[in-house]
């Protein structure tokens, strides 16, 4: 299959028009020799699916537009299904690719003018690429249980196709937990990696993700394995908290003692699970406007090794609570639960806190 696909793609003169014919991948003046994506870029450029900007650059951090993404997915779909690409530009230039994509189930409906011009999101491109791969070519090599991609809602229309790409080893996710980052724009370097893994199965990556923890004991085991003192999850926003939905994600919520609820005032709701023999002391925080820093305020509660709910944060910019975790030998670690302004995920330190949020 590999030789067949590589032979076929060499017949393709251009499937993603991102500039005039490019230099060999190693000749792009803005691609460093140790770039993580270079092996993929060599394959993608060699296949004719991706080109440079025409000025000797590849622009690896630039995004691609919806129209460019449709052309790529349509060409891939025709290549994998028919063995060659006969699609050519229409009027406007992307019209023929859009028609093919809709006609062959890569898209449900054409993009509007905004979708054509706007950068494509990671989730949308992944969904299109999966739809472009014939079902008999979707060989899964990885164990990726449902619910194991932390920031991918099971209810999303594209969830099943993204899980398929993870299981095929085409998408590996971001960070140690394999986050999808579905709403972020996808970079050209990432597109090169996806294209290369589609056309060359030998470049696909074998890995696995863990299913969501079903019990507190399992959650604590994973937390301790990570070297953290507690686990934390963002449950949602207090005014619209859906307890039934949260219980489906975290069955062990029923094991949280009814009195273990600390209210710092605010709109966000967190589940905090200290490891065994770890005491969690929660304080309110106040802002020192002269130093532009937080100071420890009044004591809100102490929980000895048991899970608890914390309501906090009235602002996306400032946190209003501080959790101090204390070990039996007197060591202490502190953090303030909050949501990252970058991508809406739980903001935690690099160590000390195990984030098990399922978004």
Protein backbone atom coordinates (compact mmCIF):
# COMPACT_ATOMS: atom_id res chain seq x y z
CA UNK A 1 0.00 0.00 0.00
CA UNK A 2 2.83 2.40 0.89
CA UNK A 3 4.56 2.01 -2.49
CA UNK A 4 1.25 2.37 -4.31
CA UNK A 5 0.32 5.56 -2.48
CA UNK A 6 3.76 7.13 -2.88
CA UNK A 7 3.80 6.31 -6.58
CA UNK A 8 0.38 7.85 -6.97
CA UNK A 9 1.15 11.07 -5.14
CA UNK A 10 4.16 11.68 -7.36
CA UNK A 11 1.70 12.18 -10.20
CA UNK A 12 0.04 15.00 -8.35
CA UNK A 13 1.41 18.38 -9.46
CA UNK A 14 -0.35 20.52 -6.89
CA UNK A 15 -3.07 19.81 -4.33
CA UNK A 16 -2.65 22.57 -1.80
CA UNK A 17 -1.77 25.87 -3.45
CA UNK A 18 0.24 27.78 -0.87
CA UNK A 19 2.60 29.48 -3.27
CA UNK A 20 4.73 28.79 -6.34
CA UNK A 21 6.81 25.59 -6.49
CA UNK A 22 8.97 25.40 -3.42
CA UNK A 23 12.59 24.65 -2.78
CA UNK A 24 13.48 21.23 -1.43
CA UNK A 25 12.35 21.07 2.18
CA UNK A 26 15.88 21.41 3.49
CA UNK A 27 16.29 24.59 1.46
CA UNK A 28 13.59 26.63 3.16
CA UNK A 29 15.45 29.42 4.86
CA UNK A 30 12.97 29.59 7.75
CA UNK A 31 13.11 25.85 8.55
CA UNK A 32 15.84 24.85 11.01
CA UNK A 33 17.62 21.53 10.69
CA UNK A 34 16.23 20.14 13.95
CA UNK A 35 12.62 21.24 13.33
CA UNK A 36 10.26 18.57 14.66
CA UNK A 37 8.22 18.61 11.46
CA UNK A 38 11.12 18.40 8.96
CA UNK A 39 10.79 14.65 8.19
CA UNK A 40 7.08 15.19 7.54
CA UNK A 41 7.71 18.31 5.50
CA UNK A 42 10.12 16.42 3.24
CA UNK A 43 7.42 13.84 2.52
CA UNK A 44 4.65 16.40 2.05
CA UNK A 45 6.68 18.62 -0.27
CA UNK A 46 8.08 15.64 -2.15
CA UNK A 47 4.55 14.44 -2.83
CA UNK A 48 3.53 17.76 -4.37
CA UNK A 49 0.76 18.27 -1.81
CA UNK A 50 2.33 21.28 -0.11
CA UNK A 51 4.58 24.05 -1.40
CA UNK A 52 6.43 27.02 0.05
CA UNK A 53 5.66 30.70 -0.15
CA UNK A 54 7.69 31.34 -3.27
CA UNK A 55 10.28 33.52 -1.54
CA UNK A 56 12.36 30.67 -0.15
CA UNK A 57 10.27 30.34 3.01
CA UNK A 58 7.79 27.76 4.24
CA UNK A 59 6.17 29.91 6.99
CA UNK A 60 5.64 26.94 9.34
CA UNK A 61 3.71 28.93 11.93
CA UNK A 62 1.21 30.46 9.51
CA UNK A 63 -2.35 29.14 9.37
CA UNK A 64 -4.20 27.97 6.26
CA UNK A 65 -7.57 29.19 5.07
CA UNK A 66 -10.77 27.25 4.71
CA UNK A 67 -10.42 27.28 0.91
CA UNK A 68 -6.89 25.89 1.08
CA UNK A 69 -8.05 23.20 3.49
CA UNK A 70 -10.90 22.18 1.18
CA UNK A 71 -8.51 21.86 -1.76
CA UNK A 72 -6.15 19.70 0.27
CA UNK A 73 -8.90 17.41 1.55
CA UNK A 74 -10.53 17.07 -1.87
CA UNK A 75 -7.24 16.18 -3.57
CA UNK A 76 -6.39 13.66 -0.88
CA UNK A 77 -9.84 12.14 -1.12
CA UNK A 78 -9.65 11.73 -4.90
CA UNK A 79 -6.10 10.41 -4.72
CA UNK A 80 -6.88 7.76 -2.13
CA UNK A 81 -10.15 6.74 -3.77
CA UNK A 82 -9.30 6.88 -7.49
CA UNK A 83 -5.52 6.59 -7.55
CA UNK A 84 -4.94 9.96 -9.20
CA UNK A 85 -6.05 13.57 -9.01
CA UNK A 86 -7.87 15.18 -11.93
CA UNK A 87 -9.36 18.13 -10.08
CA UNK A 88 -8.38 21.56 -11.39
CA UNK A 89 -9.13 25.11 -10.40
CA UNK A 90 -12.56 26.52 -11.13
CA UNK A 91 -14.18 29.92 -10.78
CA UNK A 92 -13.61 31.02 -8.12
CA UNK A 93 -10.47 28.91 -7.97
CA UNK A 94 -11.70 26.72 -5.08
CA UNK A 95 -15.17 26.00 -6.57
CA UNK A 96 -14.33 22.60 -8.09
CA UNK A 97 -12.70 21.39 -4.87
CA UNK A 98 -15.65 22.58 -2.80
CA UNK A 99 -18.07 20.76 -5.10
CA UNK A 100 -16.04 17.55 -4.85
CA UNK A 101 -15.81 17.82 -1.06
CA UNK A 102 -19.57 18.24 -0.68
CA UNK A 103 -20.38 15.60 -3.26
CA UNK A 104 -18.13 13.00 -1.61
CA UNK A 105 -19.05 13.63 2.02
CA UNK A 106 -15.89 15.48 3.03
CA UNK A 107 -18.11 18.46 3.84
CA UNK A 108 -21.80 18.50 4.65
CA UNK A 109 -22.29 21.85 2.92
CA UNK A 110 -20.11 24.47 1.21
CA UNK A 111 -18.26 27.04 3.27
CA UNK A 112 -19.68 30.54 3.23
CA UNK A 113 -17.46 33.46 2.26
CA UNK A 114 -16.19 33.87 5.79
CA UNK A 115 -15.32 30.17 6.05
CA UNK A 116 -13.46 30.31 2.75
CA UNK A 117 -11.23 33.19 3.84
CA UNK A 118 -10.85 32.52 7.57
CA UNK A 119 -8.16 30.28 9.05
CA UNK A 120 -9.34 26.70 9.48
CA UNK A 121 -9.52 25.25 12.99
CA UNK A 122 -7.68 22.11 14.00
CA UNK A 123 -10.91 20.19 14.58
CA UNK A 124 -12.44 21.17 11.25
CA UNK A 125 -9.39 20.17 9.25
CA UNK A 126 -9.02 16.88 11.13
CA UNK A 127 -12.67 16.09 10.48
CA UNK A 128 -12.27 16.80 6.75
CA UNK A 129 -9.12 14.70 6.44
CA UNK A 130 -10.72 11.73 8.13
CA UNK A 131 -13.74 11.94 5.85
CA UNK A 132 -11.37 12.02 2.87
CA UNK A 133 -9.80 8.67 3.85
CA UNK A 134 -11.78 5.71 2.50
CA UNK A 135 -13.08 3.49 5.29
CA UNK A 136 -11.16 0.45 4.05
CA UNK A 137 -7.91 2.43 4.50
CA UNK A 138 -8.55 3.46 8.11
CA UNK A 139 -6.31 0.92 9.84
CA UNK A 140 -6.21 1.65 13.57
CA UNK A 141 -2.94 0.99 15.41
CA UNK A 142 -3.49 2.75 18.75
CA UNK A 143 -5.57 2.20 21.87
CA UNK A 144 -7.43 5.46 22.42
CA UNK A 145 -10.52 4.84 24.60
CA UNK A 146 -13.60 7.01 24.26
CA UNK A 147 -13.30 9.94 26.65
CA UNK A 148 -9.51 9.82 26.77
CA UNK A 149 -8.94 12.99 24.72
CA UNK A 150 -9.38 15.53 27.51
CA UNK A 151 -10.63 18.57 25.60
CA UNK A 152 -12.83 16.86 23.01
CA UNK A 153 -16.53 16.90 23.79
CA UNK A 154 -18.15 13.54 23.03
CA UNK A 155 -21.18 15.44 21.71
CA UNK A 156 -19.16 17.27 19.02
CA UNK A 157 -20.09 16.25 15.47
CA UNK A 158 -16.42 15.74 14.62
CA UNK A 159 -15.48 13.74 17.75
CA UNK A 160 -15.71 10.28 16.14
CA UNK A 161 -13.54 11.23 13.17
CA UNK A 162 -10.89 12.83 15.37
CA UNK A 163 -10.77 9.70 17.53
CA UNK A 164 -10.25 7.70 14.33
CA UNK A 165 -7.24 9.84 13.37
CA UNK A 166 -5.77 9.37 16.86
CA UNK A 167 -6.29 5.62 16.59
CA UNK A 168 -4.67 5.57 13.14
CA UNK A 169 -1.59 7.38 14.47
CA UNK A 170 -2.14 10.37 12.20
CA UNK A 171 -2.91 12.78 15.07
CA UNK A 172 -1.01 12.52 18.36
CA UNK A 173 -2.42 15.48 20.26
CA UNK A 174 -0.70 18.13 22.35
CA UNK A 175 1.10 17.66 25.65
CA UNK A 176 1.35 14.56 27.82
CA UNK A 177 -2.43 14.06 27.82
CA UNK A 178 -2.88 14.30 24.05
CA UNK A 179 -5.13 17.36 24.01
CA UNK A 180 -6.86 18.13 20.73
CA UNK A 181 -7.09 21.94 21.07
CA UNK A 182 -10.04 21.77 18.66
CA UNK A 183 -10.78 25.48 18.34
CA UNK A 184 -7.23 26.67 17.70
CA UNK A 185 -6.02 27.42 14.19
CA UNK A 186 -3.81 24.76 12.66
CA UNK A 187 -0.29 25.71 11.57
CA UNK A 188 1.29 24.84 8.23
CA UNK A 189 3.90 22.70 10.02
CA UNK A 190 1.09 20.67 11.59
CA UNK A 191 -0.65 20.34 8.23
CA UNK A 192 2.58 18.95 6.75
CA UNK A 193 2.72 16.32 9.50
CA UNK A 194 -0.89 15.27 8.94
CA UNK A 195 -0.48 15.04 5.18
CA UNK A 196 2.72 13.01 5.48
CA UNK A 197 1.14 10.53 7.90
CA UNK A 198 -1.84 10.09 5.62
CA UNK A 199 0.22 9.32 2.50
CA UNK A 200 2.96 7.32 4.24
CA UNK A 201 1.70 4.83 6.88
CA UNK A 202 5.28 4.27 8.08
CA UNK A 203 5.26 7.80 9.50
CA UNK A 204 2.25 7.15 11.71
CA UNK A 205 2.86 7.22 15.45
CA UNK A 206 2.08 4.43 17.91
CA UNK A 207 0.92 5.65 21.33
CA UNK A 208 -1.92 5.24 23.80
CA UNK A 209 -4.08 7.41 26.05
CA UNK A 210 -5.75 6.49 29.33
CA UNK A 211 -9.48 6.20 29.77
CA UNK A 212 -11.02 8.57 32.33
CA UNK A 213 -10.57 7.47 35.95
CA UNK A 214 -13.64 5.59 37.15
CA UNK A 215 -12.82 5.57 40.88
CA UNK A 216 -11.11 7.79 43.42
CA UNK A 217 -8.52 5.10 44.09
CA UNK A 218 -7.60 4.94 40.39
CA UNK A 219 -7.44 8.74 40.20
CA UNK A 220 -5.17 8.91 43.23
CA UNK A 221 -2.94 6.19 41.78
CA UNK A 222 -2.46 8.19 38.58
CA UNK A 223 -1.89 11.36 40.59
CA UNK A 224 0.83 9.75 42.69
CA UNK A 225 2.44 8.23 39.61
CA UNK A 226 2.71 11.72 38.13
CA UNK A 227 4.45 12.97 41.29
CA UNK A 228 1.61 15.37 42.15
CA UNK A 229 0.08 15.97 45.58
CA UNK A 230 -3.48 16.45 44.38
CA UNK A 231 -5.73 16.08 41.36
CA UNK A 232 -7.96 18.87 40.10
CA UNK A 233 -10.71 19.26 37.52
CA UNK A 234 -12.74 22.21 36.31
CA UNK A 235 -16.39 21.14 36.56
CA UNK A 236 -17.84 24.15 34.80
CA UNK A 237 -19.40 27.46 35.74
CA UNK A 238 -21.33 27.51 38.98
CA UNK A 239 -24.41 29.42 37.76
CA UNK A 240 -25.06 26.79 35.06
CA UNK A 241 -23.48 23.73 36.67
CA UNK A 242 -24.91 20.50 35.25
CA UNK A 243 -24.47 17.97 38.05
CA UNK A 244 -25.88 15.06 36.02
CA UNK A 245 -23.43 15.66 33.18
CA UNK A 246 -20.55 16.00 35.64
CA UNK A 247 -21.51 12.71 37.31
CA UNK A 248 -21.22 10.93 33.96
CA UNK A 249 -17.68 12.24 33.55
CA UNK A 250 -16.68 11.71 37.18
CA UNK A 251 -18.69 8.93 38.86
CA UNK A 252 -16.68 9.42 42.04
CA UNK A 253 -18.34 12.80 42.59
CA UNK A 254 -20.86 10.80 44.60
CA UNK A 255 -18.03 9.99 47.03
CA UNK A 256 -17.40 13.65 47.89
CA UNK A 257 -18.69 14.19 51.45
CA UNK A 258 -21.62 16.61 51.46
CA UNK A 259 -19.88 19.00 53.86
CA UNK A 260 -16.72 19.24 51.79
CA UNK A 261 -17.73 22.37 49.93
CA UNK A 262 -15.73 25.59 50.15
CA UNK A 263 -17.15 28.80 48.76
CA UNK A 264 -14.66 31.56 48.03
CA UNK A 265 -17.27 33.40 46.02
CA UNK A 266 -17.21 33.29 42.26
CA UNK A 267 -18.43 31.64 39.07
CA UNK A 268 -16.12 28.64 38.57
CA UNK A 269 -16.49 25.22 40.19
CA UNK A 270 -13.59 22.83 40.78
CA UNK A 271 -13.18 19.32 42.13
CA UNK A 272 -10.04 18.97 44.22
CA UNK A 273 -8.79 15.51 45.23
CA UNK A 274 -5.75 15.52 47.56
CA UNK A 275 -3.73 12.34 47.76
CA UNK A 276 -3.94 10.27 50.92
CA UNK A 277 -2.38 11.93 53.98
CA UNK A 278 -2.27 15.32 52.23
CA UNK A 279 -3.98 18.21 53.99
CA UNK A 280 -5.52 20.94 51.83
CA UNK A 281 -5.89 24.35 53.45
CA UNK A 282 -7.86 26.90 51.43
CA UNK A 283 -7.46 30.65 51.83
CA UNK A 284 -9.05 33.63 50.16
CA UNK A 285 -6.60 35.80 48.26
CA UNK A 286 -6.38 39.56 48.08
CA UNK A 287 -4.55 41.75 45.61
CA UNK A 288 -1.69 43.99 46.70
CA UNK A 289 -2.12 46.71 44.09
CA UNK A 290 1.23 48.32 44.92
CA UNK A 291 3.17 45.13 44.28
CA UNK A 292 0.58 43.82 41.81
CA UNK A 293 0.67 40.48 43.57
CA UNK A 294 -1.55 38.25 45.68
CA UNK A 295 -1.52 38.10 49.46
CA UNK A 296 -3.01 35.35 51.62
CA UNK A 297 -6.34 36.36 53.13
CA UNK A 298 -8.81 34.70 55.50
CA UNK A 299 -8.94 30.96 56.08
CA UNK A 300 -11.82 29.34 54.19
CA UNK A 301 -11.44 25.70 55.18
CA UNK A 302 -9.20 22.69 55.85
CA UNK A 303 -9.75 19.26 54.31
CA UNK A 304 -7.69 16.24 55.39
CA UNK A 305 -7.07 13.89 52.45
CA UNK A 306 -10.66 13.98 51.18
CA UNK A 307 -12.07 15.32 47.90
CA UNK A 308 -13.90 18.63 48.02
CA UNK A 309 -15.64 21.13 45.77
CA UNK A 310 -14.37 24.69 45.51
CA UNK A 311 -16.33 27.61 44.10
CA UNK A 312 -14.10 30.57 43.28
CA UNK A 313 -13.00 33.32 40.87
CA UNK A 314 -15.13 36.28 39.89
CA UNK A 315 -12.72 37.36 37.15
CA UNK A 316 -10.89 35.70 34.29
CA UNK A 317 -7.85 37.77 35.15
CA UNK A 318 -7.56 37.45 38.94
CA UNK A 319 -8.00 34.37 41.10
CA UNK A 320 -9.50 34.70 44.59
CA UNK A 321 -8.48 31.45 46.29
CA UNK A 322 -5.27 29.72 47.30
CA UNK A 323 -4.89 26.02 48.11
CA UNK A 324 -1.95 25.03 50.31
CA UNK A 325 -1.13 21.30 50.24
CA UNK A 326 0.83 20.01 53.23
CA UNK A 327 2.59 16.66 53.60
CA UNK A 328 3.17 14.73 56.81
CA UNK A 329 6.84 15.75 56.86
CA UNK A 330 6.02 19.44 56.74
CA UNK A 331 6.51 20.11 53.04
CA UNK A 332 4.05 22.52 51.45
CA UNK A 333 2.91 23.34 47.92
CA UNK A 334 0.39 25.97 46.88
CA UNK A 335 -1.62 26.84 43.80
CA UNK A 336 -4.66 28.84 42.74
CA UNK A 337 -7.17 27.07 40.46
CA UNK A 338 -8.01 29.08 37.36
CA UNK A 339 -8.82 28.78 33.68
CA UNK A 340 -6.12 29.48 31.12
CA UNK A 341 -6.82 32.58 29.04
CA UNK A 342 -4.97 30.91 26.15
CA UNK A 343 -7.23 27.96 25.47
CA UNK A 344 -9.86 27.72 28.21
CA UNK A 345 -8.32 24.68 29.89
CA UNK A 346 -7.36 24.33 33.55
CA UNK A 347 -4.24 26.34 34.35
CA UNK A 348 -2.01 24.27 36.64
CA UNK A 349 1.68 24.35 37.58
CA UNK A 350 4.11 22.11 35.70
CA UNK A 351 4.19 19.77 38.69
CA UNK A 352 2.31 19.24 41.94
CA UNK A 353 -1.21 19.16 40.45
CA UNK A 354 -2.63 16.41 38.21
CA UNK A 355 -5.22 17.87 35.86
CA UNK A 356 -7.90 15.28 35.05
CA UNK A 357 -10.46 17.64 33.52
CA UNK A 358 -12.58 16.19 30.71
CA UNK A 359 -13.87 19.14 28.70
